[in-house]
Amino acid sequence: MNTDKQNIAEQLLQIGFEENDAEPGTYEFYEDKELLFYTFINADNLVNLENYQIRQLRSQCKLSSKEFEKLTNGKLSNNQYLKILQKQKVI
């Protein structure tokens, strides 16, 4: 699993999250202009996320461990993510 913070931030944007300009490091997911949920990546000096940060981020993104690993490896598309959220009845 790629735990590089910059990579994960880029992957969040790829699947449809938007970075909040007023709060850098905060990523928000909208459906029909309605904020459904958000997550954040700490602005500490670490290059890679710690395990507890990965668990928190995964939970906030509504992803299983396997799905989150696909995200971090750049193998989760926006369409796949939307299907995951639909299956969980989040959207």
N, C-alpha and C. Protein backbone atom coordinates (compact mmCIF):
# COMPACT_ATOMS: atom_id res chain seq x y z
N MET A 1 0.85 -1.18 0.00
CA MET A 1 0.00 0.00 0.00
C MET A 1 0.89 1.23 0.00
N ASN A 2 0.55 2.18 -0.86
CA ASN A 2 1.29 3.43 -0.93
C ASN A 2 0.71 4.39 0.11
N THR A 3 1.49 4.72 1.11
CA THR A 3 1.01 5.56 2.21
C THR A 3 1.50 7.00 2.12
N ASP A 4 2.06 7.38 0.97
CA ASP A 4 2.53 8.73 0.76
C ASP A 4 1.35 9.71 0.78
N LYS A 5 1.44 10.72 1.62
CA LYS A 5 0.32 11.66 1.80
C LYS A 5 -0.05 12.37 0.50
N GLN A 6 0.94 12.81 -0.24
CA GLN A 6 0.67 13.52 -1.50
C GLN A 6 -0.05 12.61 -2.49
N ASN A 7 0.38 11.35 -2.57
CA ASN A 7 -0.27 10.39 -3.46
C ASN A 7 -1.73 10.19 -3.06
N ILE A 8 -1.98 10.02 -1.79
CA ILE A 8 -3.36 9.79 -1.32
C ILE A 8 -4.22 11.02 -1.59
N ALA A 9 -3.68 12.20 -1.39
CA ALA A 9 -4.43 13.42 -1.69
C ALA A 9 -4.79 13.48 -3.17
N GLU A 10 -3.86 13.14 -4.02
CA GLU A 10 -4.11 13.14 -5.47
C GLU A 10 -5.17 12.10 -5.84
N GLN A 11 -5.11 10.95 -5.20
CA GLN A 11 -6.09 9.90 -5.50
C GLN A 11 -7.49 10.29 -5.02
N LEU A 12 -7.58 10.98 -3.90
CA LEU A 12 -8.88 11.46 -3.43
C LEU A 12 -9.50 12.40 -4.47
N LEU A 13 -8.69 13.27 -5.03
CA LEU A 13 -9.18 14.19 -6.05
C LEU A 13 -9.64 13.41 -7.29
N GLN A 14 -8.93 12.34 -7.62
CA GLN A 14 -9.27 11.54 -8.80
C GLN A 14 -10.62 10.85 -8.66
N ILE A 15 -11.01 10.49 -7.45
CA ILE A 15 -12.28 9.79 -7.29
C ILE A 15 -13.44 10.73 -6.98
N GLY A 16 -13.18 12.04 -6.98
CA GLY A 16 -14.28 12.98 -6.86
C GLY A 16 -14.30 13.88 -5.65
N PHE A 17 -13.34 13.74 -4.76
CA PHE A 17 -13.26 14.66 -3.62
C PHE A 17 -12.77 16.02 -4.11
N GLU A 18 -13.11 17.05 -3.38
CA GLU A 18 -12.65 18.40 -3.68
C GLU A 18 -11.92 18.92 -2.45
N GLU A 19 -10.77 19.57 -2.69
CA GLU A 19 -10.05 20.15 -1.55
C GLU A 19 -10.71 21.46 -1.15
N ASN A 20 -10.91 21.63 0.13
CA ASN A 20 -11.51 22.85 0.66
C ASN A 20 -10.43 23.94 0.66
N ASP A 21 -10.66 24.99 -0.12
CA ASP A 21 -9.67 26.08 -0.23
C ASP A 21 -9.45 26.79 1.10
N ALA A 22 -10.49 26.89 1.90
CA ALA A 22 -10.38 27.60 3.18
C ALA A 22 -9.67 26.76 4.24
N GLU A 23 -9.69 25.45 4.08
CA GLU A 23 -9.06 24.55 5.04
C GLU A 23 -8.19 23.54 4.29
N PRO A 24 -6.97 23.92 3.92
CA PRO A 24 -6.10 23.01 3.19
C PRO A 24 -5.92 21.68 3.93
N GLY A 25 -5.93 20.60 3.18
CA GLY A 25 -5.81 19.28 3.77
C GLY A 25 -7.15 18.65 4.07
N THR A 26 -8.23 19.42 3.87
CA THR A 26 -9.58 18.90 4.06
C THR A 26 -10.17 18.60 2.69
N TYR A 27 -10.67 17.38 2.53
CA TYR A 27 -11.22 16.93 1.26
C TYR A 27 -12.68 16.58 1.47
N GLU A 28 -13.53 17.13 0.59
CA GLU A 28 -14.97 16.99 0.75
C GLU A 28 -15.56 16.25 -0.45
N PHE A 29 -16.58 15.44 -0.17
CA PHE A 29 -17.25 14.70 -1.24
C PHE A 29 -18.69 15.18 -1.33
N TYR A 30 -19.05 15.63 -2.52
CA TYR A 30 -20.38 16.17 -2.77
C TYR A 30 -21.16 15.27 -3.73
N GLU A 31 -22.45 15.23 -3.55
CA GLU A 31 -23.37 14.58 -4.49
C GLU A 31 -24.50 15.57 -4.72
N ASP A 32 -24.70 15.97 -5.97
CA ASP A 32 -25.70 16.97 -6.33
C ASP A 32 -25.55 18.25 -5.48
N LYS A 33 -24.30 18.70 -5.37
CA LYS A 33 -23.94 19.93 -4.64
C LYS A 33 -24.20 19.86 -3.13
N GLU A 34 -24.48 18.68 -2.63
CA GLU A 34 -24.70 18.49 -1.19
C GLU A 34 -23.48 17.77 -0.60
N LEU A 35 -22.91 18.35 0.46
CA LEU A 35 -21.77 17.73 1.12
C LEU A 35 -22.23 16.45 1.81
N LEU A 36 -21.66 15.32 1.39
CA LEU A 36 -22.01 14.05 2.01
C LEU A 36 -21.09 13.72 3.18
N PHE A 37 -19.80 13.92 2.98
CA PHE A 37 -18.83 13.66 4.04
C PHE A 37 -17.50 14.29 3.66
N TYR A 38 -16.60 14.31 4.62
CA TYR A 38 -15.28 14.88 4.37
C TYR A 38 -14.24 14.08 5.14
N THR A 39 -13.01 14.30 4.75
CA THR A 39 -11.88 13.70 5.44
C THR A 39 -10.75 14.72 5.40
N PHE A 40 -9.71 14.44 6.13
CA PHE A 40 -8.59 15.36 6.12
C PHE A 40 -7.28 14.60 6.26
N ILE A 41 -6.25 15.26 5.78
CA ILE A 41 -4.89 14.72 5.88
C ILE A 41 -4.09 15.74 6.68
N ASN A 42 -3.54 15.32 7.80
CA ASN A 42 -2.79 16.21 8.69
C ASN A 42 -1.64 16.89 7.97
N ALA A 43 -1.40 18.11 8.33
CA ALA A 43 -0.31 18.90 7.75
C ALA A 43 0.96 18.77 8.57
N ASP A 44 1.17 17.60 9.19
CA ASP A 44 2.40 17.42 9.96
C ASP A 44 3.58 17.22 9.00
N ASN A 45 4.74 17.00 9.54
CA ASN A 45 5.94 16.88 8.72
C ASN A 45 6.19 15.48 8.19
N LEU A 46 5.30 14.55 8.44
CA LEU A 46 5.50 13.19 7.98
C LEU A 46 5.18 13.08 6.49
N VAL A 47 5.97 12.29 5.78
CA VAL A 47 5.73 12.06 4.36
C VAL A 47 4.66 11.00 4.18
N ASN A 48 4.72 9.96 5.00
CA ASN A 48 3.77 8.85 4.93
C ASN A 48 2.80 8.90 6.09
N LEU A 49 1.58 8.43 5.82
CA LEU A 49 0.58 8.37 6.88
C LEU A 49 0.87 7.22 7.83
N GLU A 50 0.57 7.43 9.09
CA GLU A 50 0.69 6.39 10.10
C GLU A 50 -0.52 5.46 10.00
N ASN A 51 -0.43 4.28 10.60
CA ASN A 51 -1.53 3.30 10.52
C ASN A 51 -2.85 3.86 11.07
N TYR A 52 -2.80 4.58 12.18
CA TYR A 52 -4.04 5.12 12.74
C TYR A 52 -4.66 6.15 11.81
N GLN A 53 -3.82 6.92 11.09
CA GLN A 53 -4.33 7.90 10.14
C GLN A 53 -4.97 7.21 8.93
N ILE A 54 -4.37 6.11 8.51
CA ILE A 54 -4.91 5.34 7.39
C ILE A 54 -6.28 4.77 7.78
N ARG A 55 -6.40 4.22 8.96
CA ARG A 55 -7.68 3.67 9.42
C ARG A 55 -8.76 4.75 9.47
N GLN A 56 -8.39 5.92 9.99
CA GLN A 56 -9.35 7.02 10.09
C GLN A 56 -9.77 7.50 8.70
N LEU A 57 -8.83 7.68 7.82
CA LEU A 57 -9.11 8.13 6.47
C LEU A 57 -9.98 7.12 5.73
N ARG A 58 -9.64 5.85 5.85
CA ARG A 58 -10.40 4.77 5.21
C ARG A 58 -11.84 4.78 5.69
N SER A 59 -12.04 4.93 6.98
CA SER A 59 -13.38 4.96 7.55
C SER A 59 -14.17 6.17 7.06
N GLN A 60 -13.53 7.32 7.06
CA GLN A 60 -14.20 8.55 6.62
C GLN A 60 -14.56 8.51 5.14
N CYS A 61 -13.77 7.79 4.35
CA CYS A 61 -14.04 7.65 2.92
C CYS A 61 -15.01 6.52 2.61
N LYS A 62 -15.42 5.79 3.65
CA LYS A 62 -16.38 4.68 3.50
C LYS A 62 -15.81 3.53 2.66
N LEU A 63 -14.53 3.21 2.88
CA LEU A 63 -13.86 2.17 2.11
C LEU A 63 -13.39 1.04 3.00
N SER A 64 -13.42 -0.17 2.47
CA SER A 64 -12.83 -1.32 3.16
C SER A 64 -11.31 -1.23 3.00
N SER A 65 -10.60 -2.09 3.69
CA SER A 65 -9.13 -2.11 3.58
C SER A 65 -8.70 -2.37 2.14
N LYS A 66 -9.35 -3.34 1.52
CA LYS A 66 -9.01 -3.70 0.14
C LYS A 66 -9.31 -2.55 -0.82
N GLU A 67 -10.45 -1.90 -0.63
CA GLU A 67 -10.83 -0.77 -1.49
C GLU A 67 -9.87 0.40 -1.29
N PHE A 68 -9.48 0.65 -0.05
CA PHE A 68 -8.56 1.75 0.23
C PHE A 68 -7.19 1.46 -0.39
N GLU A 69 -6.79 0.22 -0.37
CA GLU A 69 -5.51 -0.14 -1.00
C GLU A 69 -5.57 0.12 -2.50
N LYS A 70 -6.71 -0.19 -3.12
CA LYS A 70 -6.88 0.12 -4.55
C LYS A 70 -6.76 1.63 -4.77
N LEU A 71 -7.36 2.41 -3.88
CA LEU A 71 -7.27 3.87 -3.97
C LEU A 71 -5.82 4.32 -3.93
N THR A 72 -5.08 3.85 -2.94
CA THR A 72 -3.70 4.32 -2.76
C THR A 72 -2.79 3.88 -3.90
N ASN A 73 -3.16 2.80 -4.58
CA ASN A 73 -2.37 2.32 -5.72
C ASN A 73 -2.86 2.90 -7.04
N GLY A 74 -3.81 3.84 -6.99
CA GLY A 74 -4.30 4.49 -8.19
C GLY A 74 -5.20 3.63 -9.05
N LYS A 75 -5.82 2.62 -8.45
CA LYS A 75 -6.64 1.68 -9.22
C LYS A 75 -8.12 1.76 -8.88
N LEU A 76 -8.54 2.86 -8.28
CA LEU A 76 -9.94 3.06 -7.96
C LEU A 76 -10.42 4.29 -8.72
N SER A 77 -11.39 4.08 -9.62
CA SER A 77 -11.91 5.18 -10.43
C SER A 77 -13.09 5.84 -9.73
N ASN A 78 -13.48 6.97 -10.26
CA ASN A 78 -14.64 7.68 -9.74
C ASN A 78 -15.89 6.81 -9.87
N ASN A 79 -16.06 6.14 -11.00
CA ASN A 79 -17.23 5.27 -11.19
C ASN A 79 -17.25 4.12 -10.19
N GLN A 80 -16.10 3.51 -9.95
CA GLN A 80 -16.02 2.43 -8.98
C GLN A 80 -16.36 2.94 -7.58
N TYR A 81 -15.86 4.13 -7.26
CA TYR A 81 -16.13 4.70 -5.94
C TYR A 81 -17.62 4.99 -5.77
N LEU A 82 -18.23 5.54 -6.80
CA LEU A 82 -19.67 5.81 -6.72
C LEU A 82 -20.47 4.51 -6.54
N LYS A 83 -20.04 3.44 -7.18
CA LYS A 83 -20.72 2.15 -7.02
C LYS A 83 -20.58 1.63 -5.59
N ILE A 84 -19.42 1.83 -5.00
CA ILE A 84 -19.20 1.42 -3.61
C ILE A 84 -20.16 2.19 -2.69
N LEU A 85 -20.25 3.49 -2.91
CA LEU A 85 -21.13 4.32 -2.09
C LEU A 85 -22.60 3.96 -2.29
N GLN A 86 -22.98 3.63 -3.52
CA GLN A 86 -24.35 3.22 -3.80
C GLN A 86 -24.66 1.89 -3.11
N LYS A 87 -23.72 0.98 -3.17
CA LYS A 87 -23.90 -0.34 -2.53
C LYS A 87 -24.09 -0.18 -1.02
N GLN A 88 -23.40 0.78 -0.43
CA GLN A 88 -23.51 1.04 1.00
C GLN A 88 -24.70 1.94 1.33
N LYS A 89 -25.42 2.36 0.29
CA LYS A 89 -26.58 3.26 0.43
C LYS A 89 -26.21 4.61 1.04
N VAL A 90 -24.98 5.05 0.73
CA VAL A 90 -24.52 6.37 1.17
C VAL A 90 -25.09 7.42 0.20
N ILE A 91 -25.21 7.02 -1.06
CA ILE A 91 -25.81 7.92 -2.08
C ILE A 91 -26.93 7.19 -2.77
